[in-house]
Amino acid sequence: MNHFLRTAAPLTLLASLAACQTLPIGPTPTGTYRATGTEPFWGLNIGPRDMVFEDPNGPTRIVQPTPRPIIGIAGEIYQTQRLNVNIVHSRCSDGMSDRVYPDTVQVTADGRRFTGCGGL
């Protein structure tokens, strides 16, 4: 086999895989990404301008400017001074209903960790 065929085949495969890559799910200019959790109940909205975390069991409502996401291997990461959000693109069930979400979401809000599900 000549040198061109040995090096061109892996490059063609890489180009094909890159073309098939899905775009990250996150806030769009017209939409908001929503995540929620149970026991304890909490909610997160990531909009084009702000991220809003609410814990209805306490007085916690945190509003932070939406940062540019870090695109990880499994999903997106949003980091601010008070909120860290890790979105993993793996199916998630909230445990209280039959609803299945496209993402598993972990939020750290002022040092407290919350786990739940999310999707647009």
PDB file of N, CA and C in Angstrom:
ATOM      1  N   MET A   1       0.858  -1.155   0.000  1.00  0.00           N
ATOM      2  CA  MET A   1       0.000   0.000   0.000  1.00  0.00           C
ATOM      3  C   MET A   1       0.914   1.231   0.000  1.00  0.00           C
ATOM      4  N   ASN A   2       0.553   2.205  -0.803  1.00  0.00           N
ATOM      5  CA  ASN A   2       1.426   3.370  -0.861  1.00  0.00           C
ATOM      6  C   ASN A   2       1.169   4.300   0.327  1.00  0.00           C
ATOM      7  N   HIS A   3       2.100   5.236   0.528  1.00  0.00           N
ATOM      8  CA  HIS A   3       2.045   6.148   1.664  1.00  0.00           C
ATOM      9  C   HIS A   3       0.772   7.005   1.651  1.00  0.00           C
ATOM     10  N   PHE A   4       0.322   7.448   0.487  1.00  0.00           N
ATOM     11  CA  PHE A   4      -0.865   8.293   0.396  1.00  0.00           C
ATOM     12  C   PHE A   4      -2.093   7.582   0.944  1.00  0.00           C
ATOM     13  N   LEU A   5      -2.291   6.326   0.591  1.00  0.00           N
ATOM     14  CA  LEU A   5      -3.468   5.591   1.057  1.00  0.00           C
ATOM     15  C   LEU A   5      -3.422   5.352   2.556  1.00  0.00           C
ATOM     16  N   ARG A   6      -2.229   5.112   3.104  1.00  0.00           N
ATOM     17  CA  ARG A   6      -2.122   4.878   4.552  1.00  0.00           C
ATOM     18  C   ARG A   6      -2.454   6.135   5.342  1.00  0.00           C
ATOM     19  N   THR A   7      -2.117   7.322   4.854  1.00  0.00           N
ATOM     20  CA  THR A   7      -2.382   8.546   5.600  1.00  0.00           C
ATOM     21  C   THR A   7      -3.719   9.177   5.237  1.00  0.00           C
ATOM     22  N   ALA A   8      -4.201   8.997   4.029  1.00  0.00           N
ATOM     23  CA  ALA A   8      -5.449   9.629   3.601  1.00  0.00           C
ATOM     24  C   ALA A   8      -6.666   8.976   4.248  1.00  0.00           C
ATOM     25  N   ALA A   9      -6.650   7.670   4.435  1.00  0.00           N
ATOM     26  CA  ALA A   9      -7.811   6.979   4.992  1.00  0.00           C
ATOM     27  C   ALA A   9      -8.149   7.472   6.398  1.00  0.00           C
ATOM     28  N   PRO A  10      -7.186   7.553   7.339  1.00  0.00           N
ATOM     29  CA  PRO A  10      -7.540   8.070   8.664  1.00  0.00           C
ATOM     30  C   PRO A  10      -8.019   9.522   8.618  1.00  0.00           C
ATOM     31  N   LEU A  11      -7.445  10.347   7.753  1.00  0.00           N
ATOM     32  CA  LEU A  11      -7.883  11.734   7.655  1.00  0.00           C
ATOM     33  C   LEU A  11      -9.298  11.823   7.123  1.00  0.00           C
ATOM     34  N   THR A  12      -9.643  10.974   6.161  1.00  0.00           N
ATOM     35  CA  THR A  12     -11.001  10.948   5.628  1.00  0.00           C
ATOM     36  C   THR A  12     -11.978  10.517   6.718  1.00  0.00           C
ATOM     37  N   LEU A  13     -11.604   9.533   7.514  1.00  0.00           N
ATOM     38  CA  LEU A  13     -12.449   9.069   8.610  1.00  0.00           C
ATOM     39  C   LEU A  13     -12.666  10.190   9.620  1.00  0.00           C
ATOM     40  N   LEU A  14     -11.617  10.908   9.988  1.00  0.00           N
ATOM     41  CA  LEU A  14     -11.749  12.010  10.930  1.00  0.00           C
ATOM     42  C   LEU A  14     -12.649  13.109  10.375  1.00  0.00           C
ATOM     43  N   ALA A  15     -12.511  13.423   9.111  1.00  0.00           N
ATOM     44  CA  ALA A  15     -13.354  14.443   8.498  1.00  0.00           C
ATOM     45  C   ALA A  15     -14.811  14.007   8.504  1.00  0.00           C
ATOM     46  N   SER A  16     -15.056  12.733   8.249  1.00  0.00           N
ATOM     47  CA  SER A  16     -16.427  12.212   8.252  1.00  0.00           C
ATOM     48  C   SER A  16     -17.026  12.287   9.649  1.00  0.00           C
ATOM     49  N   LEU A  17     -16.244  11.933  10.666  1.00  0.00           N
ATOM     50  CA  LEU A  17     -16.740  11.987  12.034  1.00  0.00           C
ATOM     51  C   LEU A  17     -17.029  13.421  12.451  1.00  0.00           C
ATOM     52  N   ALA A  18     -16.175  14.346  12.064  1.00  0.00           N
ATOM     53  CA  ALA A  18     -16.392  15.751  12.401  1.00  0.00           C
ATOM     54  C   ALA A  18     -17.673  16.271  11.753  1.00  0.00           C
ATOM     55  N   ALA A  19     -17.944  15.851  10.549  1.00  0.00           N
ATOM     56  CA  ALA A  19     -19.152  16.295   9.844  1.00  0.00           C
ATOM     57  C   ALA A  19     -20.406  15.759  10.512  1.00  0.00           C
ATOM     58  N   CYS A  20     -20.323  14.606  11.170  1.00  0.00           N
ATOM     59  CA  CYS A  20     -21.480  13.997  11.817  1.00  0.00           C
ATOM     60  C   CYS A  20     -21.693  14.503  13.234  1.00  0.00           C
ATOM     61  N   GLN A  21     -20.753  15.268  13.759  1.00  0.00           N
ATOM     62  CA  GLN A  21     -20.854  15.748  15.128  1.00  0.00           C
ATOM     63  C   GLN A  21     -22.109  16.583  15.294  1.00  0.00           C
ATOM     64  N   THR A  22     -22.828  16.361  16.402  1.00  0.00           N
ATOM     65  CA  THR A  22     -24.024  17.141  16.660  1.00  0.00           C
ATOM     66  C   THR A  22     -23.646  18.458  17.308  1.00  0.00           C
ATOM     67  N   LEU A  23     -24.469  19.460  17.090  1.00  0.00           N
ATOM     68  CA  LEU A  23     -24.220  20.756  17.700  1.00  0.00           C
ATOM     69  C   LEU A  23     -24.628  20.702  19.157  1.00  0.00           C
ATOM     70  N   PRO A  24     -23.927  21.441  20.016  1.00  0.00           N
ATOM     71  CA  PRO A  24     -24.280  21.433  21.432  1.00  0.00           C
ATOM     72  C   PRO A  24     -25.655  22.046  21.657  1.00  0.00           C
ATOM     73  N   ILE A  25     -26.348  21.530  22.660  1.00  0.00           N
ATOM     74  CA  ILE A  25     -27.642  22.076  23.023  1.00  0.00           C
ATOM     75  C   ILE A  25     -27.400  23.130  24.085  1.00  0.00           C
ATOM     76  N   GLY A  26     -27.926  24.275  23.910  1.00  0.00           N
ATOM     77  CA  GLY A  26     -27.761  25.363  24.859  1.00  0.00           C
ATOM     78  C   GLY A  26     -28.740  26.456  24.515  1.00  0.00           C
ATOM     79  N   PRO A  27     -28.633  27.570  25.209  1.00  0.00           N
ATOM     80  CA  PRO A  27     -29.586  28.627  24.928  1.00  0.00           C
ATOM     81  C   PRO A  27     -29.412  29.172  23.523  1.00  0.00           C
ATOM     82  N   THR A  28     -30.502  29.516  22.920  1.00  0.00           N
ATOM     83  CA  THR A  28     -30.478  30.121  21.597  1.00  0.00           C
ATOM     84  C   THR A  28     -30.980  31.551  21.744  1.00  0.00           C
ATOM     85  N   PRO A  29     -30.779  32.410  20.757  1.00  0.00           N
ATOM     86  CA  PRO A  29     -31.264  33.785  20.885  1.00  0.00           C
ATOM     87  C   PRO A  29     -32.765  33.876  21.149  1.00  0.00           C
ATOM     88  N   THR A  30     -33.522  32.878  20.727  1.00  0.00           N
ATOM     89  CA  THR A  30     -34.968  32.930  20.930  1.00  0.00           C
ATOM     90  C   THR A  30     -35.454  31.935  21.969  1.00  0.00           C
ATOM     91  N   GLY A  31     -34.555  31.162  22.580  1.00  0.00           N
ATOM     92  CA  GLY A  31     -34.997  30.136  23.502  1.00  0.00           C
ATOM     93  C   GLY A  31     -34.222  30.127  24.799  1.00  0.00           C
ATOM     94  N   THR A  32     -34.707  29.322  25.712  1.00  0.00           N
ATOM     95  CA  THR A  32     -34.094  29.174  27.018  1.00  0.00           C
ATOM     96  C   THR A  32     -33.916  27.695  27.303  1.00  0.00           C
ATOM     97  N   TYR A  33     -32.751  27.352  27.819  1.00  0.00           N
ATOM     98  CA  TYR A  33     -32.497  25.976  28.250  1.00  0.00           C
ATOM     99  C   TYR A  33     -33.036  25.851  29.672  1.00  0.00           C
ATOM    100  N   ARG A  34     -33.787  24.791  29.922  1.00  0.00           N
ATOM    101  CA  ARG A  34     -34.386  24.600  31.242  1.00  0.00           C
ATOM    102  C   ARG A  34     -33.911  23.284  31.846  1.00  0.00           C
ATOM    103  N   ALA A  35     -33.649  23.357  33.149  1.00  0.00           N
ATOM    104  CA  ALA A  35     -33.296  22.157  33.905  1.00  0.00           C
ATOM    105  C   ALA A  35     -34.054  22.196  35.224  1.00  0.00           C
ATOM    106  N   THR A  36     -34.306  21.021  35.768  1.00  0.00           N
ATOM    107  CA  THR A  36     -35.068  20.927  37.010  1.00  0.00           C
ATOM    108  C   THR A  36     -34.598  19.717  37.809  1.00  0.00           C
ATOM    109  N   GLY A  37     -34.854  19.770  39.088  1.00  0.00           N
ATOM    110  CA  GLY A  37     -34.493  18.648  39.947  1.00  0.00           C
ATOM    111  C   GLY A  37     -35.548  18.428  41.005  1.00  0.00           C
ATOM    112  N   THR A  38     -35.540  17.233  41.572  1.00  0.00           N
ATOM    113  CA  THR A  38     -36.485  16.886  42.627  1.00  0.00           C
ATOM    114  C   THR A  38     -35.709  16.409  43.844  1.00  0.00           C
ATOM    115  N   GLU A  39     -36.320  16.613  44.991  1.00  0.00           N
ATOM    116  CA  GLU A  39     -35.771  16.165  46.280  1.00  0.00           C
ATOM    117  C   GLU A  39     -34.304  16.522  46.444  1.00  0.00           C
ATOM    118  N   PRO A  40     -33.945  17.759  46.609  1.00  0.00           N
ATOM    119  CA  PRO A  40     -34.813  18.926  46.723  1.00  0.00           C
ATOM    120  C   PRO A  40     -35.214  19.462  45.355  1.00  0.00           C
ATOM    121  N   PHE A  41     -36.362  20.122  45.323  1.00  0.00           N
ATOM    122  CA  PHE A  41     -36.826  20.734  44.086  1.00  0.00           C
ATOM    123  C   PHE A  41     -36.004  21.977  43.790  1.00  0.00           C
ATOM    124  N   TRP A  42     -35.682  22.164  42.510  1.00  0.00           N
ATOM    125  CA  TRP A  42     -34.953  23.348  42.068  1.00  0.00           C
ATOM    126  C   TRP A  42     -35.191  23.550  40.584  1.00  0.00           C
ATOM    127  N   GLY A  43     -34.876  24.720  40.079  1.00  0.00           N
ATOM    128  CA  GLY A  43     -35.033  25.011  38.668  1.00  0.00           C
ATOM    129  C   GLY A  43     -33.908  25.905  38.175  1.00  0.00           C
ATOM    130  N   LEU A  44     -33.561  25.740  36.912  1.00  0.00           N
ATOM    131  CA  LEU A  44     -32.523  26.541  36.282  1.00  0.00           C
ATOM    132  C   LEU A  44     -32.971  26.904  34.881  1.00  0.00           C
ATOM    133  N   ASN A  45     -32.852  28.175  34.531  1.00  0.00           N
ATOM    134  CA  ASN A  45     -33.087  28.641  33.164  1.00  0.00           C
ATOM    135  C   ASN A  45     -31.807  29.298  32.682  1.00  0.00           C
ATOM    136  N   ILE A  46     -31.332  28.874  31.522  1.00  0.00           N
ATOM    137  CA  ILE A  46     -30.167  29.499  30.908  1.00  0.00           C
ATOM    138  C   ILE A  46     -30.665  30.206  29.657  1.00  0.00           C
ATOM    139  N   GLY A  47     -30.684  31.509  29.709  1.00  0.00           N
ATOM    140  CA  GLY A  47     -31.132  32.321  28.583  1.00  0.00           C
ATOM    141  C   GLY A  47     -29.956  32.964  27.885  1.00  0.00           C
ATOM    142  N   PRO A  48     -30.218  33.689  26.834  1.00  0.00           N
ATOM    143  CA  PRO A  48     -29.134  34.329  26.095  1.00  0.00           C
ATOM    144  C   PRO A  48     -28.382  35.375  26.921  1.00  0.00           C
ATOM    145  N   ARG A  49     -29.061  35.958  27.920  1.00  0.00           N
ATOM    146  CA  ARG A  49     -28.413  37.003  28.733  1.00  0.00           C
ATOM    147  C   ARG A  49     -28.110  36.568  30.157  1.00  0.00           C
ATOM    148  N   ASP A  50     -29.050  35.852  30.795  1.00  0.00           N
ATOM    149  CA  ASP A  50     -28.897  35.497  32.206  1.00  0.00           C
ATOM    150  C   ASP A  50     -29.154  34.022  32.463  1.00  0.00           C
ATOM    151  N   MET A  51     -28.507  33.513  33.513  1.00  0.00           N
ATOM    152  CA  MET A  51     -28.820  32.207  34.075  1.00  0.00           C
ATOM    153  C   MET A  51     -29.525  32.482  35.401  1.00  0.00           C
ATOM    154  N   VAL A  52     -30.661  31.804  35.619  1.00  0.00           N
ATOM    155  CA  VAL A  52     -31.429  32.011  36.846  1.00  0.00           C
ATOM    156  C   VAL A  52     -31.621  30.657  37.512  1.00  0.00           C
ATOM    157  N   PHE A  53     -31.137  30.536  38.751  1.00  0.00           N
ATOM    158  CA  PHE A  53     -31.299  29.321  39.546  1.00  0.00           C
ATOM    159  C   PHE A  53     -32.247  29.644  40.687  1.00  0.00           C
ATOM    160  N   GLU A  54     -33.240  28.758  40.911  1.00  0.00           N
ATOM    161  CA  GLU A  54     -34.184  28.952  42.000  1.00  0.00           C
ATOM    162  C   GLU A  54     -34.347  27.669  42.799  1.00  0.00           C
ATOM    163  N   ASP A  55     -34.291  27.830  44.106  1.00  0.00           N
ATOM    164  CA  ASP A  55     -34.518  26.740  45.048  1.00  0.00           C
ATOM    165  C   ASP A  55     -35.759  27.117  45.849  1.00  0.00           C
ATOM    166  N   PRO A  56     -36.947  26.580  45.490  1.00  0.00           N
ATOM    167  CA  PRO A  56     -38.176  26.991  46.171  1.00  0.00           C
ATOM    168  C   PRO A  56     -38.230  26.561  47.638  1.00  0.00           C
ATOM    169  N   ASN A  57     -37.346  25.667  48.065  1.00  0.00           N
ATOM    170  CA  ASN A  57     -37.326  25.238  49.463  1.00  0.00           C
ATOM    171  C   ASN A  57     -36.596  26.238  50.351  1.00  0.00           C
ATOM    172  N   GLY A  58     -35.948  27.205  49.747  1.00  0.00           N
ATOM    173  CA  GLY A  58     -35.208  28.198  50.522  1.00  0.00           C
ATOM    174  C   GLY A  58     -35.281  29.537  49.835  1.00  0.00           C
ATOM    175  N   PRO A  59     -34.625  30.502  50.392  1.00  0.00           N
ATOM    176  CA  PRO A  59     -34.674  31.837  49.797  1.00  0.00           C
ATOM    177  C   PRO A  59     -33.698  32.012  48.628  1.00  0.00           C
ATOM    178  N   THR A  60     -33.202  30.906  48.092  1.00  0.00           N
ATOM    179  CA  THR A  60     -32.161  30.988  47.077  1.00  0.00           C
ATOM    180  C   THR A  60     -32.719  31.309  45.698  1.00  0.00           C
ATOM    181  N   ARG A  61     -32.334  32.460  45.171  1.00  0.00           N
ATOM    182  CA  ARG A  61     -32.583  32.829  43.778  1.00  0.00           C
ATOM    183  C   ARG A  61     -31.315  33.522  43.323  1.00  0.00           C
ATOM    184  N   ILE A  62     -30.624  32.888  42.392  1.00  0.00           N
ATOM    185  CA  ILE A  62     -29.350  33.414  41.915  1.00  0.00           C
ATOM    186  C   ILE A  62     -29.483  33.781  40.448  1.00  0.00           C
ATOM    187  N   VAL A  63     -29.126  35.004  40.117  1.00  0.00           N
ATOM    188  CA  VAL A  63     -29.136  35.466  38.736  1.00  0.00           C
ATOM    189  C   VAL A  63     -27.712  35.868  38.380  1.00  0.00           C
ATOM    190  N   GLN A  64     -27.180  35.275  37.317  1.00  0.00           N
ATOM    191  CA  GLN A  64     -25.835  35.566  36.854  1.00  0.00           C
ATOM    192  C   GLN A  64     -25.872  35.783  35.345  1.00  0.00           C
ATOM    193  N   PRO A  65     -25.005  36.647  34.813  1.00  0.00           N
ATOM    194  CA  PRO A  65     -24.920  36.772  33.356  1.00  0.00           C
ATOM    195  C   PRO A  65     -24.513  35.426  32.745  1.00  0.00           C
ATOM    196  N   THR A  66     -25.136  35.064  31.639  1.00  0.00           N
ATOM    197  CA  THR A  66     -24.810  33.798  30.983  1.00  0.00           C
ATOM    198  C   THR A  66     -23.417  33.901  30.365  1.00  0.00           C
ATOM    199  N   PRO A  67     -22.497  33.049  30.831  1.00  0.00           N
ATOM    200  CA  PRO A  67     -21.156  33.078  30.253  1.00  0.00           C
ATOM    201  C   PRO A  67     -21.118  32.277  28.953  1.00  0.00           C
ATOM    202  N   ARG A  68     -20.062  32.432  28.231  1.00  0.00           N
ATOM    203  CA  ARG A  68     -19.843  31.599  27.045  1.00  0.00           C
ATOM    204  C   ARG A  68     -19.590  30.169  27.549  1.00  0.00           C
ATOM    205  N   PRO A  69     -20.282  29.174  26.991  1.00  0.00           N
ATOM    206  CA  PRO A  69     -20.102  27.805  27.495  1.00  0.00           C
ATOM    207  C   PRO A  69     -18.745  27.221  27.099  1.00  0.00           C
ATOM    208  N   ILE A  70     -18.256  26.361  27.966  1.00  0.00           N
ATOM    209  CA  ILE A  70     -17.099  25.531  27.652  1.00  0.00           C
ATOM    210  C   ILE A  70     -17.679  24.272  27.023  1.00  0.00           C
ATOM    211  N   ILE A  71     -17.255  23.950  25.829  1.00  0.00           N
ATOM    212  CA  ILE A  71     -17.782  22.770  25.144  1.00  0.00           C
ATOM    213  C   ILE A  71     -16.906  21.582  25.522  1.00  0.00           C
ATOM    214  N   GLY A  72     -17.478  20.671  26.312  1.00  0.00           N
ATOM    215  CA  GLY A  72     -16.757  19.484  26.744  1.00  0.00           C
ATOM    216  C   GLY A  72     -17.068  18.297  25.857  1.00  0.00           C
ATOM    217  N   ILE A  73     -16.476  17.187  26.186  1.00  0.00           N
ATOM    218  CA  ILE A  73     -16.681  15.957  25.414  1.00  0.00           C
ATOM    219  C   ILE A  73     -18.128  15.474  25.538  1.00  0.00           C
ATOM    220  N   ALA A  74     -18.707  15.602  26.731  1.00  0.00           N
ATOM    221  CA  ALA A  74     -20.042  15.066  26.972  1.00  0.00           C
ATOM    222  C   ALA A  74     -21.138  16.118  26.954  1.00  0.00           C
ATOM    223  N   GLY A  75     -20.765  17.406  26.917  1.00  0.00           N
ATOM    224  CA  GLY A  75     -21.777  18.450  26.959  1.00  0.00           C
ATOM    225  C   GLY A  75     -21.160  19.805  27.222  1.00  0.00           C
ATOM    226  N   GLU A  76     -21.959  20.709  27.792  1.00  0.00           N
ATOM    227  CA  GLU A  76     -21.511  22.078  28.024  1.00  0.00           C
ATOM    228  C   GLU A  76     -21.313  22.340  29.510  1.00  0.00           C
ATOM    229  N   ILE A  77     -20.427  23.292  29.782  1.00  0.00           N
ATOM    230  CA  ILE A  77     -20.143  23.718  31.146  1.00  0.00           C
ATOM    231  C   ILE A  77     -20.264  25.238  31.179  1.00  0.00           C
ATOM    232  N   TYR A  78     -21.030  25.730  32.142  1.00  0.00           N
ATOM    233  CA  TYR A  78     -21.184  27.167  32.351  1.00  0.00           C
ATOM    234  C   TYR A  78     -20.633  27.483  33.740  1.00  0.00           C
ATOM    235  N   GLN A  79     -19.710  28.427  33.820  1.00  0.00           N
ATOM    236  CA  GLN A  79     -19.103  28.760  35.106  1.00  0.00           C
ATOM    237  C   GLN A  79     -19.211  30.257  35.368  1.00  0.00           C
ATOM    238  N   THR A  80     -19.776  30.592  36.534  1.00  0.00           N
ATOM    239  CA  THR A  80     -19.813  31.975  36.993  1.00  0.00           C
ATOM    240  C   THR A  80     -19.333  31.984  38.436  1.00  0.00           C
ATOM    241  N   GLN A  81     -19.318  33.152  39.033  1.00  0.00           N
ATOM    242  CA  GLN A  81     -18.854  33.271  40.409  1.00  0.00           C
ATOM    243  C   GLN A  81     -19.727  32.477  41.373  1.00  0.00           C
ATOM    244  N   ARG A  82     -21.034  32.423  41.124  1.00  0.00           N
ATOM    245  CA  ARG A  82     -21.946  31.753  42.055  1.00  0.00           C
ATOM    246  C   ARG A  82     -22.564  30.467  41.518  1.00  0.00           C
ATOM    247  N   LEU A  83     -22.527  30.268  40.199  1.00  0.00           N
ATOM    248  CA  LEU A  83     -23.137  29.078  39.591  1.00  0.00           C
ATOM    249  C   LEU A  83     -22.147  28.332  38.715  1.00  0.00           C
ATOM    250  N   ASN A  84     -22.121  27.034  38.873  1.00  0.00           N
ATOM    251  CA  ASN A  84     -21.406  26.151  37.950  1.00  0.00           C
ATOM    252  C   ASN A  84     -22.420  25.127  37.457  1.00  0.00           C
ATOM    253  N   VAL A  85     -22.554  25.023  36.142  1.00  0.00           N
ATOM    254  CA  VAL A  85     -23.538  24.130  35.540  1.00  0.00           C
ATOM    255  C   VAL A  85     -22.816  23.180  34.601  1.00  0.00           C
ATOM    256  N   ASN A  86     -23.045  21.895  34.793  1.00  0.00           N
ATOM    257  CA  ASN A  86     -22.452  20.866  33.947  1.00  0.00           C
ATOM    258  C   ASN A  86     -23.591  20.102  33.282  1.00  0.00           C
ATOM    259  N   ILE A  87     -23.711  20.244  31.964  1.00  0.00           N
ATOM    260  CA  ILE A  87     -24.761  19.574  31.191  1.00  0.00           C
ATOM    261  C   ILE A  87     -24.115  18.393  30.472  1.00  0.00           C
ATOM    262  N   VAL A  88     -24.615  17.208  30.733  1.00  0.00           N
ATOM    263  CA  VAL A  88     -24.120  15.989  30.089  1.00  0.00           C
ATOM    264  C   VAL A  88     -25.235  15.453  29.201  1.00  0.00           C
ATOM    265  N   HIS A  89     -24.926  15.272  27.928  1.00  0.00           N
ATOM    266  CA  HIS A  89     -25.926  14.787  26.977  1.00  0.00           C
ATOM    267  C   HIS A  89     -26.111  13.281  27.145  1.00  0.00           C
ATOM    268  N   SER A  90     -26.861  12.926  28.190  1.00  0.00           N
ATOM    269  CA  SER A  90     -27.241  11.531  28.420  1.00  0.00           C
ATOM    270  C   SER A  90     -28.650  11.553  28.994  1.00  0.00           C
ATOM    271  N   ARG A  91     -29.465  10.613  28.553  1.00  0.00           N
ATOM    272  CA  ARG A  91     -30.880  10.582  28.946  1.00  0.00           C
ATOM    273  C   ARG A  91     -31.018  10.597  30.458  1.00  0.00           C
ATOM    274  N   CYS A  92     -32.085  11.257  30.910  1.00  0.00           N
ATOM    275  CA  CYS A  92     -32.295  11.445  32.338  1.00  0.00           C
ATOM    276  C   CYS A  92     -33.782  11.353  32.648  1.00  0.00           C
ATOM    277  N   SER A  93     -34.120  10.686  33.727  1.00  0.00           N
ATOM    278  CA  SER A  93     -35.494  10.635  34.217  1.00  0.00           C
ATOM    279  C   SER A  93     -35.535  11.364  35.556  1.00  0.00           C
ATOM    280  N   ASP A  94     -36.567  12.156  35.765  1.00  0.00           N
ATOM    281  CA  ASP A  94     -36.618  12.935  37.000  1.00  0.00           C
ATOM    282  C   ASP A  94     -36.995  12.111  38.228  1.00  0.00           C
ATOM    283  N   GLY A  95     -37.353  10.860  38.057  1.00  0.00           N
ATOM    284  CA  GLY A  95     -37.658   9.989  39.184  1.00  0.00           C
ATOM    285  C   GLY A  95     -39.069  10.134  39.726  1.00  0.00           C
ATOM    286  N   MET A  96     -39.801  11.148  39.295  1.00  0.00           N
ATOM    287  CA  MET A  96     -41.153  11.348  39.803  1.00  0.00           C
ATOM    288  C   MET A  96     -42.221  11.212  38.730  1.00  0.00           C
ATOM    289  N   SER A  97     -41.813  11.189  37.481  1.00  0.00           N
ATOM    290  CA  SER A  97     -42.770  11.056  36.385  1.00  0.00           C
ATOM    291  C   SER A  97     -42.164  10.116  35.345  1.00  0.00           C
ATOM    292  N   ASP A  98     -42.898   9.898  34.298  1.00  0.00           N
ATOM    293  CA  ASP A  98     -42.385   9.056  33.214  1.00  0.00           C
ATOM    294  C   ASP A  98     -41.626   9.869  32.176  1.00  0.00           C
ATOM    295  N   ARG A  99     -41.457  11.151  32.418  1.00  0.00           N
ATOM    296  CA  ARG A  99     -40.794  12.014  31.456  1.00  0.00           C
ATOM    297  C   ARG A  99     -39.295  11.718  31.393  1.00  0.00           C
ATOM    298  N   VAL A 100     -38.793  11.667  30.168  1.00  0.00           N
ATOM    299  CA  VAL A 100     -37.365  11.457  29.942  1.00  0.00           C
ATOM    300  C   VAL A 100     -36.802  12.707  29.270  1.00  0.00           C
ATOM    301  N   TYR A 101     -35.745  13.234  29.831  1.00  0.00           N
ATOM    302  CA  TYR A 101     -35.086  14.435  29.322  1.00  0.00           C
ATOM    303  C   TYR A 101     -33.835  14.037  28.543  1.00  0.00           C
ATOM    304  N   PRO A 102     -33.366  14.899  27.651  1.00  0.00           N
ATOM    305  CA  PRO A 102     -32.173  14.558  26.872  1.00  0.00           C
ATOM    306  C   PRO A 102     -30.863  14.698  27.641  1.00  0.00           C
ATOM    307  N   ASP A 103     -30.876  15.435  28.774  1.00  0.00           N
ATOM    308  CA  ASP A 103     -29.626  15.726  29.470  1.00  0.00           C
ATOM    309  C   ASP A 103     -29.703  15.462  30.964  1.00  0.00           C
ATOM    310  N   THR A 104     -28.556  15.111  31.533  1.00  0.00           N
ATOM    311  CA  THR A 104     -28.361  15.077  32.972  1.00  0.00           C
ATOM    312  C   THR A 104     -27.639  16.369  33.332  1.00  0.00           C
ATOM    313  N   VAL A 105     -28.111  17.049  34.365  1.00  0.00           N
ATOM    314  CA  VAL A 105     -27.565  18.356  34.717  1.00  0.00           C
ATOM    315  C   VAL A 105     -27.147  18.365  36.181  1.00  0.00           C
ATOM    316  N   GLN A 106     -25.957  18.902  36.412  1.00  0.00           N
ATOM    317  CA  GLN A 106     -25.466  19.089  37.777  1.00  0.00           C
ATOM    318  C   GLN A 106     -25.185  20.580  37.960  1.00  0.00           C
ATOM    319  N   VAL A 107     -25.728  21.143  39.042  1.00  0.00           N
ATOM    320  CA  VAL A 107     -25.561  22.566  39.334  1.00  0.00           C
ATOM    321  C   VAL A 107     -24.917  22.696  40.702  1.00  0.00           C
ATOM    322  N   THR A 108     -23.932  23.558  40.795  1.00  0.00           N
ATOM    323  CA  THR A 108     -23.396  23.971  42.090  1.00  0.00           C
ATOM    324  C   THR A 108     -23.758  25.436  42.245  1.00  0.00           C
ATOM    325  N   ALA A 109     -24.603  25.713  43.251  1.00  0.00           N
ATOM    326  CA  ALA A 109     -25.095  27.070  43.497  1.00  0.00           C
ATOM    327  C   ALA A 109     -24.612  27.514  44.869  1.00  0.00           C
ATOM    328  N   ASP A 110     -23.749  28.518  44.898  1.00  0.00           N
ATOM    329  CA  ASP A 110     -23.161  29.001  46.150  1.00  0.00           C
ATOM    330  C   ASP A 110     -22.614  27.844  46.988  1.00  0.00           C
ATOM    331  N   GLY A 111     -21.959  26.898  46.328  1.00  0.00           N
ATOM    332  CA  GLY A 111     -21.323  25.790  47.034  1.00  0.00           C
ATOM    333  C   GLY A 111     -22.228  24.593  47.298  1.00  0.00           C
ATOM    334  N   ARG A 112     -23.524  24.693  47.041  1.00  0.00           N
ATOM    335  CA  ARG A 112     -24.451  23.568  47.239  1.00  0.00           C
ATOM    336  C   ARG A 112     -24.661  22.856  45.918  1.00  0.00           C
ATOM    337  N   ARG A 113     -24.610  21.536  45.920  1.00  0.00           N
ATOM    338  CA  ARG A 113     -24.723  20.738  44.698  1.00  0.00           C
ATOM    339  C   ARG A 113     -26.139  20.198  44.530  1.00  0.00           C
ATOM    340  N   PHE A 114     -26.623  20.316  43.277  1.00  0.00           N
ATOM    341  CA  PHE A 114     -27.944  19.835  42.888  1.00  0.00           C
ATOM    342  C   PHE A 114     -27.807  19.003  41.631  1.00  0.00           C
ATOM    343  N   THR A 115     -28.576  17.918  41.524  1.00  0.00           N
ATOM    344  CA  THR A 115     -28.554  17.058  40.356  1.00  0.00           C
ATOM    345  C   THR A 115     -29.971  16.909  39.822  1.00  0.00           C
ATOM    346  N   GLY A 116     -30.094  16.949  38.490  1.00  0.00           N
ATOM    347  CA  GLY A 116     -31.402  16.807  37.883  1.00  0.00           C
ATOM    348  C   GLY A 116     -31.312  16.569  36.395  1.00  0.00           C
ATOM    349  N   CYS A 117     -32.358  16.963  35.703  1.00  0.00           N
ATOM    350  CA  CYS A 117     -32.490  16.721  34.265  1.00  0.00           C
ATOM    351  C   CYS A 117     -32.768  18.026  33.531  1.00  0.00           C
ATOM    352  N   GLY A 118     -32.460  18.030  32.219  1.00  0.00           N
ATOM    353  CA  GLY A 118     -32.709  19.238  31.468  1.00  0.00           C
ATOM    354  C   GLY A 118     -32.859  19.004  29.984  1.00  0.00           C
ATOM    355  N   GLY A 119     -33.218  20.065  29.290  1.00  0.00           N
ATOM    356  CA  GLY A 119     -33.389  20.058  27.849  1.00  0.00           C
ATOM    357  C   GLY A 119     -34.135  21.307  27.445  1.00  0.00           C
ATOM    358  N   LEU A 120     -34.152  21.594  26.145  1.00  0.00           N
ATOM    359  CA  LEU A 120     -34.842  22.801  25.686  1.00  0.00           C
ATOM    360  C   LEU A 120     -36.329  22.676  25.834  1.00  0.00           C
TER     361      LEU A 120
END
